């Protein structure tokens, strides 16, 4: 299966740039995510970590 895809990908001009672009997008996404988490305040982290334990909200149920 991979050989089949690779044969047609080699026929495309500049096909070697696509893996690099996808790797760059993948890497940038996680770097941005890491920066956002590092800049988040401790109070916000505590608030978000308690969401699953918060019983004040009524879950929306279809039953």
Protein backbone atom coordinates (compact mmCIF):
# COMPACT_ATOMS: atom_id res chain seq x y z
CA UNK A 1 0.00 0.00 0.00
CA UNK A 2 2.75 2.43 0.91
CA UNK A 3 4.66 1.65 -2.29
CA UNK A 4 1.54 2.48 -4.30
CA UNK A 5 1.17 5.87 -2.61
CA UNK A 6 4.91 6.56 -2.79
CA UNK A 7 5.01 5.92 -6.56
CA UNK A 8 2.37 8.53 -7.25
CA UNK A 9 3.76 10.97 -4.69
CA UNK A 10 7.16 10.85 -6.43
CA UNK A 11 5.54 11.91 -9.70
CA UNK A 12 4.24 15.12 -8.11
CA UNK A 13 6.60 18.06 -8.47
CA UNK A 14 8.04 19.26 -5.16
CA UNK A 15 6.40 16.40 -3.24
CA UNK A 16 9.31 16.39 -0.80
CA UNK A 17 8.12 19.72 0.65
CA UNK A 18 4.77 18.33 1.92
CA UNK A 19 6.22 16.15 4.71
CA UNK A 20 8.32 19.06 5.94
CA UNK A 21 5.34 21.41 5.95
CA UNK A 22 3.20 18.93 7.86
CA UNK A 23 6.00 18.36 10.40
CA UNK A 24 6.37 22.11 10.85
CA UNK A 25 2.63 22.58 11.43
CA UNK A 26 2.60 19.67 13.91
CA UNK A 27 5.61 21.05 15.78
CA UNK A 28 4.28 24.62 15.88
CA UNK A 29 0.90 23.48 17.20
CA UNK A 30 2.47 21.78 20.21
CA UNK A 31 4.92 24.61 20.84
CA UNK A 32 2.04 27.11 20.90
CA UNK A 33 0.07 24.79 23.17
CA UNK A 34 3.03 24.47 25.54
CA UNK A 35 3.49 28.25 25.68
CA UNK A 36 -0.20 28.75 26.43
CA UNK A 37 -0.10 26.23 29.26
CA UNK A 38 3.08 27.70 30.72
CA UNK A 39 1.59 31.22 30.71
CA UNK A 40 -1.67 30.10 32.34
CA UNK A 41 -2.17 31.31 35.90
CA UNK A 42 -2.19 28.84 38.78
CA UNK A 43 -5.73 29.88 39.73
CA UNK A 44 -6.98 29.06 36.24
CA UNK A 45 -5.27 25.66 36.35
CA UNK A 46 -6.90 24.91 39.70
CA UNK A 47 -10.29 26.02 38.37
CA UNK A 48 -9.99 23.83 35.28
CA UNK A 49 -8.76 20.83 37.26
CA UNK A 50 -11.84 20.98 39.51
CA UNK A 51 -14.37 20.98 36.68
CA UNK A 52 -14.92 17.18 36.72
CA UNK A 53 -15.48 17.28 40.48
CA UNK A 54 -17.88 20.20 40.43
CA UNK A 55 -21.37 18.99 41.38
CA UNK A 56 -23.11 22.36 41.10
CA UNK A 57 -23.91 21.92 37.44
CA UNK A 58 -26.64 19.63 36.21
CA UNK A 59 -25.47 17.31 33.43
CA UNK A 60 -27.50 17.37 30.24
CA UNK A 61 -28.96 13.94 29.84
CA UNK A 62 -31.17 12.64 27.08
CA UNK A 63 -32.66 9.88 29.24
